[in-house]
Amino acid sequence: MRFALGFLAAIGLLVVAGLVIVWTGAYNVAASAGHAGAVRWLFEKALHSSVESRADEVPGELFRKADVRAGFREFQEYCVHCHGAPGVKPHEWTTGMVPNPPELSKAATEWNERQIFWIAKHGIKMTGMPAFGDTESDQTIANIAAFVERLEGMSPQEYAQLRTQSGSPDSGEDSGGHSGGGHSHGPSGH
């Protein structure tokens, strides 16, 4: 009984401390300040747990019809600006985003196709990752997820070859100088 009361008191103090921090503005929400270690861990844990618990709802048949070439073109249009690609840096305005958009050729190893689909369809709160489900078809998003799955281990030369074959308008740029298509972010609407 004594332990339970102590535990409840500790929880109550944590709640009060949290409310004081929120109410007084003590936690700095500036993107230039980054997140404190505990907050970053909490967000990352919540992100992974949330996606993992919801991605099983994604129908597997979407991926049987996935078109990886179309997924590449859609990745070029919607994703490369923030996430970069092998041999292509993200646009420089992404350095002001907290958290920074992950490099998908590395981050995709943490997720399976259904989880990548779920993230692209629903977006991620407080990260700048938009939800494409309201504007793009499930098949378009499945194409992107299928392509992202293939990014791991892709060389900059292989990616450049895909850009050349697709006639991508960015096919000659490796510096991250993109048109800003896909969605608006950052200064001057890019």
N, C-alpha and C. Protein backbone atom coordinates (compact mmCIF):
# COMPACT_ATOMS: atom_id res chain seq x y z
N MET A 1 0.83 -1.18 0.00
CA MET A 1 0.00 0.00 0.00
C MET A 1 0.88 1.26 0.00
N ARG A 2 1.92 1.24 0.83
CA ARG A 2 2.82 2.39 0.93
C ARG A 2 3.56 2.62 -0.39
N PHE A 3 3.98 1.49 -1.02
CA PHE A 3 4.66 1.58 -2.32
C PHE A 3 3.73 2.18 -3.37
N ALA A 4 2.48 1.74 -3.39
CA ALA A 4 1.51 2.23 -4.38
C ALA A 4 1.29 3.73 -4.21
N LEU A 5 1.18 4.20 -2.96
CA LEU A 5 1.00 5.63 -2.72
C LEU A 5 2.23 6.43 -3.16
N GLY A 6 3.41 5.90 -2.90
CA GLY A 6 4.65 6.55 -3.33
C GLY A 6 4.74 6.61 -4.84
N PHE A 7 4.35 5.52 -5.48
CA PHE A 7 4.38 5.47 -6.94
C PHE A 7 3.41 6.48 -7.53
N LEU A 8 2.20 6.54 -6.99
CA LEU A 8 1.21 7.51 -7.47
C LEU A 8 1.67 8.95 -7.22
N ALA A 9 2.32 9.20 -6.10
CA ALA A 9 2.83 10.53 -5.81
C ALA A 9 3.93 10.91 -6.81
N ALA A 10 4.80 9.96 -7.13
CA ALA A 10 5.86 10.23 -8.10
C ALA A 10 5.27 10.53 -9.48
N ILE A 11 4.27 9.78 -9.89
CA ILE A 11 3.60 10.02 -11.17
C ILE A 11 2.95 11.40 -11.15
N GLY A 12 2.30 11.73 -10.05
CA GLY A 12 1.66 13.04 -9.91
C GLY A 12 2.68 14.17 -10.03
N LEU A 13 3.84 14.02 -9.40
CA LEU A 13 4.89 15.04 -9.50
C LEU A 13 5.40 15.19 -10.93
N LEU A 14 5.55 14.06 -11.63
CA LEU A 14 5.99 14.12 -13.03
C LEU A 14 4.97 14.84 -13.90
N VAL A 15 3.70 14.59 -13.67
CA VAL A 15 2.65 15.26 -14.43
C VAL A 15 2.66 16.75 -14.14
N VAL A 16 2.78 17.13 -12.89
CA VAL A 16 2.82 18.55 -12.52
C VAL A 16 4.06 19.21 -13.12
N ALA A 17 5.21 18.55 -13.04
CA ALA A 17 6.44 19.11 -13.62
C ALA A 17 6.27 19.29 -15.13
N GLY A 18 5.69 18.32 -15.79
CA GLY A 18 5.44 18.42 -17.23
C GLY A 18 4.53 19.58 -17.56
N LEU A 19 3.47 19.74 -16.79
CA LEU A 19 2.55 20.86 -17.03
C LEU A 19 3.24 22.21 -16.80
N VAL A 20 4.08 22.30 -15.78
CA VAL A 20 4.81 23.54 -15.52
C VAL A 20 5.74 23.85 -16.70
N ILE A 21 6.43 22.86 -17.20
CA ILE A 21 7.33 23.05 -18.34
C ILE A 21 6.54 23.53 -19.56
N VAL A 22 5.40 22.89 -19.83
CA VAL A 22 4.58 23.28 -20.97
C VAL A 22 4.00 24.67 -20.77
N TRP A 23 3.42 24.92 -19.62
CA TRP A 23 2.72 26.18 -19.37
C TRP A 23 3.65 27.38 -19.36
N THR A 24 4.85 27.20 -18.84
CA THR A 24 5.78 28.34 -18.73
C THR A 24 6.61 28.53 -19.99
N GLY A 25 6.56 27.58 -20.91
CA GLY A 25 7.38 27.68 -22.12
C GLY A 25 8.83 27.36 -21.86
N ALA A 26 9.13 26.67 -20.80
CA ALA A 26 10.51 26.36 -20.43
C ALA A 26 11.20 25.48 -21.48
N TYR A 27 10.43 24.63 -22.16
CA TYR A 27 11.04 23.78 -23.18
C TYR A 27 11.14 24.58 -24.47
N ASN A 28 12.34 24.71 -24.99
CA ASN A 28 12.58 25.49 -26.19
C ASN A 28 12.15 24.68 -27.41
N VAL A 29 11.15 25.17 -28.16
CA VAL A 29 10.65 24.45 -29.32
C VAL A 29 11.31 24.91 -30.62
N ALA A 30 12.31 25.78 -30.55
CA ALA A 30 12.99 26.27 -31.75
C ALA A 30 13.69 25.12 -32.46
N ALA A 31 13.47 25.02 -33.78
CA ALA A 31 14.13 23.98 -34.56
C ALA A 31 15.65 24.12 -34.48
N SER A 32 16.14 25.33 -34.34
CA SER A 32 17.59 25.55 -34.26
C SER A 32 18.19 25.02 -32.97
N ALA A 33 17.36 24.75 -31.97
CA ALA A 33 17.85 24.27 -30.68
C ALA A 33 17.93 22.74 -30.61
N GLY A 34 17.24 22.04 -31.49
CA GLY A 34 17.22 20.58 -31.43
C GLY A 34 16.43 20.09 -30.22
N HIS A 35 16.36 18.79 -30.06
CA HIS A 35 15.65 18.19 -28.93
C HIS A 35 16.64 17.72 -27.88
N ALA A 36 16.24 17.80 -26.63
CA ALA A 36 17.02 17.21 -25.54
C ALA A 36 17.04 15.69 -25.73
N GLY A 37 18.06 15.04 -25.22
CA GLY A 37 18.22 13.60 -25.41
C GLY A 37 17.01 12.78 -25.03
N ALA A 38 16.42 13.05 -23.87
CA ALA A 38 15.27 12.28 -23.41
C ALA A 38 14.06 12.51 -24.31
N VAL A 39 13.88 13.74 -24.76
CA VAL A 39 12.75 14.05 -25.64
C VAL A 39 12.95 13.37 -26.99
N ARG A 40 14.17 13.41 -27.52
CA ARG A 40 14.47 12.75 -28.80
C ARG A 40 14.20 11.26 -28.68
N TRP A 41 14.65 10.64 -27.60
CA TRP A 41 14.42 9.21 -27.40
C TRP A 41 12.91 8.92 -27.35
N LEU A 42 12.16 9.74 -26.61
CA LEU A 42 10.72 9.56 -26.47
C LEU A 42 10.03 9.64 -27.82
N PHE A 43 10.37 10.66 -28.63
CA PHE A 43 9.78 10.80 -29.95
C PHE A 43 10.12 9.62 -30.85
N GLU A 44 11.39 9.20 -30.84
CA GLU A 44 11.81 8.09 -31.69
C GLU A 44 11.11 6.79 -31.29
N LYS A 45 11.00 6.54 -30.00
CA LYS A 45 10.32 5.34 -29.51
C LYS A 45 8.84 5.38 -29.89
N ALA A 46 8.21 6.55 -29.69
CA ALA A 46 6.79 6.68 -30.05
C ALA A 46 6.59 6.48 -31.55
N LEU A 47 7.48 7.04 -32.36
CA LEU A 47 7.40 6.90 -33.81
C LEU A 47 7.47 5.43 -34.22
N HIS A 48 8.50 4.73 -33.77
CA HIS A 48 8.67 3.33 -34.15
C HIS A 48 7.51 2.47 -33.66
N SER A 49 7.11 2.65 -32.43
CA SER A 49 6.01 1.84 -31.88
C SER A 49 4.71 2.10 -32.62
N SER A 50 4.43 3.35 -32.92
CA SER A 50 3.20 3.72 -33.60
C SER A 50 3.15 3.13 -35.01
N VAL A 51 4.22 3.31 -35.77
CA VAL A 51 4.25 2.80 -37.14
C VAL A 51 4.15 1.28 -37.14
N GLU A 52 4.94 0.63 -36.30
CA GLU A 52 4.94 -0.84 -36.25
C GLU A 52 3.57 -1.39 -35.89
N SER A 53 2.84 -0.71 -35.01
CA SER A 53 1.54 -1.22 -34.59
C SER A 53 0.44 -0.97 -35.63
N ARG A 54 0.66 -0.06 -36.58
CA ARG A 54 -0.37 0.26 -37.56
C ARG A 54 -0.10 -0.27 -38.96
N ALA A 55 1.13 -0.55 -39.29
CA ALA A 55 1.49 -0.91 -40.66
C ALA A 55 0.93 -2.27 -41.10
N ASP A 56 0.57 -3.13 -40.17
CA ASP A 56 0.00 -4.43 -40.55
C ASP A 56 -1.34 -4.27 -41.25
N GLU A 57 -1.97 -3.10 -41.12
CA GLU A 57 -3.25 -2.83 -41.79
C GLU A 57 -3.08 -2.64 -43.29
N VAL A 58 -1.85 -2.40 -43.75
CA VAL A 58 -1.59 -2.14 -45.17
C VAL A 58 -1.74 -3.44 -45.95
N PRO A 59 -2.62 -3.46 -46.97
CA PRO A 59 -2.81 -4.70 -47.74
C PRO A 59 -1.58 -5.07 -48.56
N GLY A 60 -1.14 -6.31 -48.43
CA GLY A 60 0.04 -6.79 -49.12
C GLY A 60 -0.08 -6.81 -50.63
N GLU A 61 -1.32 -6.92 -51.16
CA GLU A 61 -1.48 -6.98 -52.61
C GLU A 61 -1.03 -5.71 -53.32
N LEU A 62 -0.96 -4.60 -52.60
CA LEU A 62 -0.45 -3.35 -53.19
C LEU A 62 0.96 -3.53 -53.74
N PHE A 63 1.76 -4.33 -53.08
CA PHE A 63 3.16 -4.47 -53.45
C PHE A 63 3.36 -5.47 -54.58
N ARG A 64 2.39 -6.34 -54.80
CA ARG A 64 2.48 -7.27 -55.93
C ARG A 64 2.33 -6.50 -57.25
N LYS A 65 1.61 -5.37 -57.20
CA LYS A 65 1.41 -4.56 -58.41
C LYS A 65 2.36 -3.36 -58.45
N ALA A 66 3.26 -3.26 -57.49
CA ALA A 66 4.14 -2.09 -57.41
C ALA A 66 5.05 -2.00 -58.62
N ASP A 67 5.21 -0.80 -59.12
CA ASP A 67 6.06 -0.51 -60.27
C ASP A 67 7.27 0.28 -59.75
N VAL A 68 8.41 -0.39 -59.66
CA VAL A 68 9.61 0.23 -59.08
C VAL A 68 10.08 1.41 -59.92
N ARG A 69 9.98 1.32 -61.24
CA ARG A 69 10.39 2.45 -62.10
C ARG A 69 9.51 3.67 -61.84
N ALA A 70 8.21 3.45 -61.75
CA ALA A 70 7.30 4.56 -61.41
C ALA A 70 7.63 5.06 -60.02
N GLY A 71 7.95 4.16 -59.12
CA GLY A 71 8.33 4.55 -57.76
C GLY A 71 9.55 5.44 -57.74
N PHE A 72 10.51 5.16 -58.63
CA PHE A 72 11.70 6.01 -58.75
C PHE A 72 11.29 7.42 -59.17
N ARG A 73 10.47 7.52 -60.21
CA ARG A 73 10.05 8.85 -60.69
C ARG A 73 9.29 9.60 -59.59
N GLU A 74 8.44 8.90 -58.86
CA GLU A 74 7.67 9.53 -57.79
C GLU A 74 8.59 9.91 -56.62
N PHE A 75 9.59 9.08 -56.34
CA PHE A 75 10.59 9.39 -55.32
C PHE A 75 11.31 10.68 -55.71
N GLN A 76 11.70 10.78 -56.98
CA GLN A 76 12.37 12.00 -57.47
C GLN A 76 11.49 13.23 -57.27
N GLU A 77 10.18 13.07 -57.50
CA GLU A 77 9.27 14.21 -57.40
C GLU A 77 8.97 14.60 -55.95
N TYR A 78 8.76 13.62 -55.08
CA TYR A 78 8.26 13.90 -53.74
C TYR A 78 9.28 13.77 -52.61
N CYS A 79 10.30 12.96 -52.77
CA CYS A 79 11.12 12.57 -51.62
C CYS A 79 12.55 13.07 -51.62
N VAL A 80 13.17 13.12 -52.79
CA VAL A 80 14.61 13.39 -52.85
C VAL A 80 14.96 14.78 -52.32
N HIS A 81 14.05 15.73 -52.40
CA HIS A 81 14.32 17.10 -51.93
C HIS A 81 14.70 17.11 -50.44
N CYS A 82 13.97 16.33 -49.65
CA CYS A 82 14.23 16.29 -48.21
C CYS A 82 15.20 15.18 -47.82
N HIS A 83 15.08 14.02 -48.45
CA HIS A 83 15.82 12.85 -48.01
C HIS A 83 17.12 12.59 -48.77
N GLY A 84 17.29 13.25 -49.91
CA GLY A 84 18.46 12.96 -50.72
C GLY A 84 18.36 11.57 -51.30
N ALA A 85 19.46 11.12 -51.89
CA ALA A 85 19.53 9.80 -52.51
C ALA A 85 21.01 9.48 -52.68
N PRO A 86 21.35 8.28 -53.09
CA PRO A 86 22.77 7.97 -53.30
C PRO A 86 23.40 8.97 -54.29
N GLY A 87 24.36 9.74 -53.81
CA GLY A 87 25.04 10.74 -54.63
C GLY A 87 24.30 12.06 -54.76
N VAL A 88 23.14 12.19 -54.12
CA VAL A 88 22.35 13.42 -54.19
C VAL A 88 22.07 13.90 -52.77
N LYS A 89 22.55 15.09 -52.46
CA LYS A 89 22.32 15.65 -51.13
C LYS A 89 20.90 16.21 -51.05
N PRO A 90 20.31 16.20 -49.85
CA PRO A 90 19.01 16.87 -49.69
C PRO A 90 19.18 18.37 -49.93
N HIS A 91 18.07 19.03 -50.20
CA HIS A 91 18.12 20.48 -50.38
C HIS A 91 18.63 21.12 -49.09
N GLU A 92 19.37 22.20 -49.21
CA GLU A 92 20.03 22.79 -48.03
C GLU A 92 19.05 23.27 -46.97
N TRP A 93 17.82 23.63 -47.33
CA TRP A 93 16.88 24.09 -46.30
C TRP A 93 16.49 23.00 -45.32
N THR A 94 16.76 21.74 -45.65
CA THR A 94 16.42 20.65 -44.72
C THR A 94 17.31 20.66 -43.48
N THR A 95 18.45 21.36 -43.54
CA THR A 95 19.32 21.41 -42.36
C THR A 95 18.64 22.13 -41.20
N GLY A 96 17.61 22.93 -41.48
CA GLY A 96 16.88 23.63 -40.44
C GLY A 96 15.71 22.85 -39.89
N MET A 97 15.52 21.62 -40.33
CA MET A 97 14.41 20.80 -39.85
C MET A 97 14.86 19.94 -38.67
N VAL A 98 14.01 19.84 -37.66
CA VAL A 98 14.29 18.99 -36.50
C VAL A 98 13.10 18.08 -36.28
N PRO A 99 13.32 16.78 -36.36
CA PRO A 99 14.58 16.14 -36.69
C PRO A 99 14.88 16.29 -38.18
N ASN A 100 16.17 16.16 -38.53
CA ASN A 100 16.54 16.20 -39.94
C ASN A 100 15.92 15.01 -40.65
N PRO A 101 15.44 15.20 -41.88
CA PRO A 101 14.91 14.05 -42.62
C PRO A 101 15.99 13.00 -42.77
N PRO A 102 15.65 11.75 -42.52
CA PRO A 102 16.68 10.70 -42.61
C PRO A 102 17.07 10.41 -44.05
N GLU A 103 18.29 9.97 -44.23
CA GLU A 103 18.74 9.48 -45.53
C GLU A 103 18.09 8.11 -45.72
N LEU A 104 17.20 8.01 -46.68
CA LEU A 104 16.38 6.81 -46.80
C LEU A 104 17.15 5.56 -47.20
N SER A 105 18.28 5.71 -47.87
CA SER A 105 19.05 4.51 -48.21
C SER A 105 19.57 3.83 -46.94
N LYS A 106 19.66 4.58 -45.84
CA LYS A 106 20.07 4.00 -44.55
C LYS A 106 18.85 3.74 -43.67
N ALA A 107 17.96 4.73 -43.55
CA ALA A 107 16.81 4.61 -42.65
C ALA A 107 15.83 3.53 -43.09
N ALA A 108 15.73 3.28 -44.38
CA ALA A 108 14.78 2.28 -44.87
C ALA A 108 15.11 0.88 -44.36
N THR A 109 16.34 0.67 -43.93
CA THR A 109 16.70 -0.65 -43.40
C THR A 109 15.98 -0.93 -42.08
N GLU A 110 15.50 0.12 -41.42
CA GLU A 110 14.78 -0.03 -40.16
C GLU A 110 13.31 -0.41 -40.37
N TRP A 111 12.81 -0.26 -41.60
CA TRP A 111 11.39 -0.42 -41.87
C TRP A 111 11.17 -1.44 -42.98
N ASN A 112 10.02 -2.11 -42.95
CA ASN A 112 9.66 -2.98 -44.07
C ASN A 112 8.76 -2.19 -45.03
N GLU A 113 8.41 -2.80 -46.15
CA GLU A 113 7.63 -2.12 -47.19
C GLU A 113 6.32 -1.56 -46.67
N ARG A 114 5.61 -2.32 -45.86
CA ARG A 114 4.33 -1.86 -45.32
C ARG A 114 4.52 -0.64 -44.41
N GLN A 115 5.58 -0.65 -43.62
CA GLN A 115 5.85 0.48 -42.72
C GLN A 115 6.24 1.72 -43.51
N ILE A 116 7.05 1.56 -44.56
CA ILE A 116 7.41 2.70 -45.41
C ILE A 116 6.14 3.26 -46.06
N PHE A 117 5.28 2.37 -46.55
CA PHE A 117 4.01 2.79 -47.14
C PHE A 117 3.20 3.60 -46.13
N TRP A 118 3.07 3.06 -44.91
CA TRP A 118 2.25 3.72 -43.89
C TRP A 118 2.81 5.12 -43.59
N ILE A 119 4.13 5.24 -43.47
CA ILE A 119 4.74 6.54 -43.19
C ILE A 119 4.45 7.52 -44.33
N ALA A 120 4.63 7.08 -45.57
CA ALA A 120 4.39 7.98 -46.70
C ALA A 120 2.91 8.35 -46.82
N LYS A 121 2.04 7.44 -46.53
CA LYS A 121 0.60 7.72 -46.65
C LYS A 121 0.10 8.65 -45.55
N HIS A 122 0.54 8.41 -44.32
CA HIS A 122 -0.01 9.14 -43.17
C HIS A 122 0.88 10.26 -42.66
N GLY A 123 2.16 10.30 -43.06
CA GLY A 123 3.09 11.32 -42.56
C GLY A 123 3.44 11.08 -41.10
N ILE A 124 4.30 11.93 -40.58
CA ILE A 124 4.73 11.82 -39.18
C ILE A 124 4.61 13.21 -38.55
N LYS A 125 3.82 13.31 -37.50
CA LYS A 125 3.65 14.58 -36.80
C LYS A 125 4.98 15.10 -36.27
N MET A 126 5.12 16.40 -36.26
CA MET A 126 6.27 17.11 -35.68
C MET A 126 7.61 16.73 -36.31
N THR A 127 7.59 16.30 -37.60
CA THR A 127 8.84 15.99 -38.28
C THR A 127 8.96 16.70 -39.62
N GLY A 128 7.90 17.23 -40.13
CA GLY A 128 7.91 17.81 -41.47
C GLY A 128 7.56 16.78 -42.54
N MET A 129 7.39 15.50 -42.15
CA MET A 129 7.02 14.47 -43.12
C MET A 129 5.53 14.59 -43.42
N PRO A 130 5.18 15.01 -44.66
CA PRO A 130 3.77 15.18 -44.98
C PRO A 130 3.06 13.86 -45.20
N ALA A 131 1.74 13.89 -45.12
CA ALA A 131 0.90 12.73 -45.43
C ALA A 131 0.50 12.82 -46.90
N PHE A 132 0.93 11.86 -47.70
CA PHE A 132 0.60 11.87 -49.12
C PHE A 132 -0.70 11.15 -49.43
N GLY A 133 -1.34 10.55 -48.42
CA GLY A 133 -2.55 9.78 -48.64
C GLY A 133 -3.74 10.57 -49.14
N ASP A 134 -3.79 11.86 -48.85
CA ASP A 134 -4.90 12.68 -49.32
C ASP A 134 -4.73 13.13 -50.77
N THR A 135 -3.52 13.09 -51.27
CA THR A 135 -3.26 13.60 -52.62
C THR A 135 -2.79 12.54 -53.61
N GLU A 136 -2.31 11.42 -53.12
CA GLU A 136 -1.77 10.38 -54.00
C GLU A 136 -2.50 9.06 -53.77
N SER A 137 -2.58 8.25 -54.80
CA SER A 137 -3.25 6.96 -54.70
C SER A 137 -2.41 5.98 -53.88
N ASP A 138 -3.06 4.98 -53.35
CA ASP A 138 -2.34 3.93 -52.62
C ASP A 138 -1.31 3.27 -53.51
N GLN A 139 -1.62 3.10 -54.81
CA GLN A 139 -0.67 2.45 -55.69
C GLN A 139 0.57 3.32 -55.91
N THR A 140 0.39 4.63 -56.01
CA THR A 140 1.54 5.54 -56.15
C THR A 140 2.43 5.42 -54.92
N ILE A 141 1.82 5.40 -53.75
CA ILE A 141 2.58 5.31 -52.50
C ILE A 141 3.27 3.94 -52.40
N ALA A 142 2.59 2.88 -52.86
CA ALA A 142 3.22 1.55 -52.87
C ALA A 142 4.41 1.52 -53.82
N ASN A 143 4.31 2.22 -54.95
CA ASN A 143 5.44 2.29 -55.88
C ASN A 143 6.64 2.94 -55.20
N ILE A 144 6.39 4.04 -54.49
CA ILE A 144 7.48 4.73 -53.78
C ILE A 144 8.09 3.80 -52.73
N ALA A 145 7.24 3.13 -51.94
CA ALA A 145 7.74 2.22 -50.90
C ALA A 145 8.58 1.11 -51.52
N ALA A 146 8.15 0.57 -52.65
CA ALA A 146 8.91 -0.49 -53.32
C ALA A 146 10.27 0.03 -53.77
N PHE A 147 10.32 1.27 -54.27
CA PHE A 147 11.60 1.83 -54.67
C PHE A 147 12.50 2.09 -53.46
N VAL A 148 11.94 2.66 -52.40
CA VAL A 148 12.73 2.97 -51.20
C VAL A 148 13.35 1.69 -50.64
N GLU A 149 12.62 0.59 -50.69
CA GLU A 149 13.16 -0.70 -50.24
C GLU A 149 14.42 -1.08 -50.99
N ARG A 150 14.56 -0.62 -52.22
CA ARG A 150 15.70 -0.98 -53.06
C ARG A 150 16.86 0.01 -52.96
N LEU A 151 16.69 1.07 -52.20
CA LEU A 151 17.75 2.07 -52.06
C LEU A 151 18.97 1.56 -51.31
N GLU A 152 18.75 0.67 -50.33
CA GLU A 152 19.88 0.18 -49.54
C GLU A 152 20.91 -0.47 -50.46
N GLY A 153 22.13 -0.01 -50.37
CA GLY A 153 23.21 -0.58 -51.15
C GLY A 153 23.31 -0.03 -52.57
N MET A 154 22.37 0.84 -52.97
CA MET A 154 22.44 1.41 -54.31
C MET A 154 23.59 2.42 -54.36
N SER A 155 24.40 2.33 -55.38
CA SER A 155 25.54 3.24 -55.50
C SER A 155 25.09 4.56 -56.13
N PRO A 156 25.86 5.62 -55.93
CA PRO A 156 25.55 6.88 -56.60
C PRO A 156 25.52 6.72 -58.13
N GLN A 157 26.34 5.86 -58.67
CA GLN A 157 26.36 5.64 -60.11
C GLN A 157 25.06 4.97 -60.58
N GLU A 158 24.60 4.00 -59.80
CA GLU A 158 23.34 3.33 -60.16
C GLU A 158 22.17 4.31 -60.10
N TYR A 159 22.16 5.15 -59.08
CA TYR A 159 21.09 6.13 -58.96
C TYR A 159 21.16 7.14 -60.12
N ALA A 160 22.35 7.61 -60.44
CA ALA A 160 22.52 8.55 -61.56
C ALA A 160 22.05 7.92 -62.87
N GLN A 161 22.32 6.63 -63.04
CA GLN A 161 21.87 5.93 -64.25
C GLN A 161 20.34 5.91 -64.31
N LEU A 162 19.70 5.67 -63.18
CA LEU A 162 18.23 5.70 -63.15
C LEU A 162 17.70 7.08 -63.53
N ARG A 163 18.36 8.12 -63.01
CA ARG A 163 17.94 9.49 -63.34
C ARG A 163 18.09 9.75 -64.83
N THR A 164 19.18 9.31 -65.41
CA THR A 164 19.42 9.51 -66.83
C THR A 164 18.38 8.74 -67.66
N GLN A 165 18.13 7.49 -67.29
CA GLN A 165 17.16 6.67 -68.02
C GLN A 165 15.75 7.22 -67.94
N SER A 166 15.42 7.85 -66.82
CA SER A 166 14.06 8.36 -66.63
C SER A 166 13.87 9.74 -67.24
N GLY A 167 14.98 10.38 -67.63
CA GLY A 167 14.87 11.74 -68.15
C GLY A 167 14.54 12.74 -67.08
N SER A 168 14.92 12.43 -65.85
CA SER A 168 14.63 13.30 -64.71
C SER A 168 15.25 14.68 -64.93
N PRO A 169 14.50 15.76 -64.65
CA PRO A 169 15.07 17.09 -64.80
C PRO A 169 16.25 17.34 -63.89
N ASP A 170 16.41 16.55 -62.84
CA ASP A 170 17.53 16.71 -61.90
C ASP A 170 18.70 15.82 -62.29
N SER A 171 18.67 15.21 -63.47
CA SER A 171 19.63 14.17 -63.79
C SER A 171 21.08 14.62 -63.80
N GLY A 172 21.34 15.93 -63.86
CA GLY A 172 22.72 16.37 -63.85
C GLY A 172 23.17 16.96 -62.54
N GLU A 173 22.34 16.96 -61.52
CA GLU A 173 22.70 17.62 -60.27
C GLU A 173 22.98 16.61 -59.18
N ASP A 174 24.11 16.78 -58.53
CA ASP A 174 24.42 15.95 -57.37
C ASP A 174 24.58 16.79 -56.12
N SER A 175 24.22 18.04 -56.19
CA SER A 175 24.46 18.94 -55.06
C SER A 175 23.23 19.22 -54.23
N GLY A 176 22.11 18.60 -54.58
CA GLY A 176 20.89 18.87 -53.83
C GLY A 176 20.15 20.08 -54.34
N GLY A 177 20.55 20.67 -55.44
CA GLY A 177 19.86 21.83 -55.99
C GLY A 177 18.64 21.39 -56.75
N HIS A 178 17.52 21.28 -56.05
CA HIS A 178 16.29 20.77 -56.64
C HIS A 178 15.29 21.90 -56.83
N SER A 179 14.28 21.60 -57.59
CA SER A 179 13.25 22.59 -57.89
C SER A 179 12.32 22.84 -56.73
N GLY A 180 12.31 21.96 -55.73
CA GLY A 180 11.42 22.13 -54.58
C GLY A 180 10.05 21.56 -54.82
N GLY A 181 9.89 20.70 -55.81
CA GLY A 181 8.59 20.10 -56.10
C GLY A 181 8.14 19.17 -55.00
N GLY A 182 6.94 18.65 -55.15
CA GLY A 182 6.43 17.70 -54.18
C GLY A 182 5.58 18.39 -53.14
N HIS A 183 6.15 19.23 -52.31
CA HIS A 183 5.41 19.97 -51.29
C HIS A 183 6.24 21.16 -50.88
N SER A 184 5.60 22.12 -50.22
CA SER A 184 6.29 23.36 -49.86
C SER A 184 6.90 23.29 -48.48
N HIS A 185 8.10 23.80 -48.36
CA HIS A 185 8.82 23.91 -47.09
C HIS A 185 9.73 25.10 -47.18
N GLY A 186 10.19 25.55 -46.05
CA GLY A 186 11.30 26.48 -45.97
C GLY A 186 11.06 27.86 -46.55
N PRO A 187 12.11 28.67 -46.57
CA PRO A 187 11.99 30.01 -47.04
C PRO A 187 11.64 30.04 -48.52
N SER A 188 10.91 31.02 -48.94
CA SER A 188 10.46 31.24 -50.30
C SER A 188 9.72 30.06 -50.91
N GLY A 189 9.05 29.26 -50.05
CA GLY A 189 8.17 28.21 -50.53
C GLY A 189 8.84 26.96 -51.04
N HIS A 190 10.13 26.78 -50.82
CA HIS A 190 10.78 25.55 -51.27
C HIS A 190 10.74 24.51 -50.20
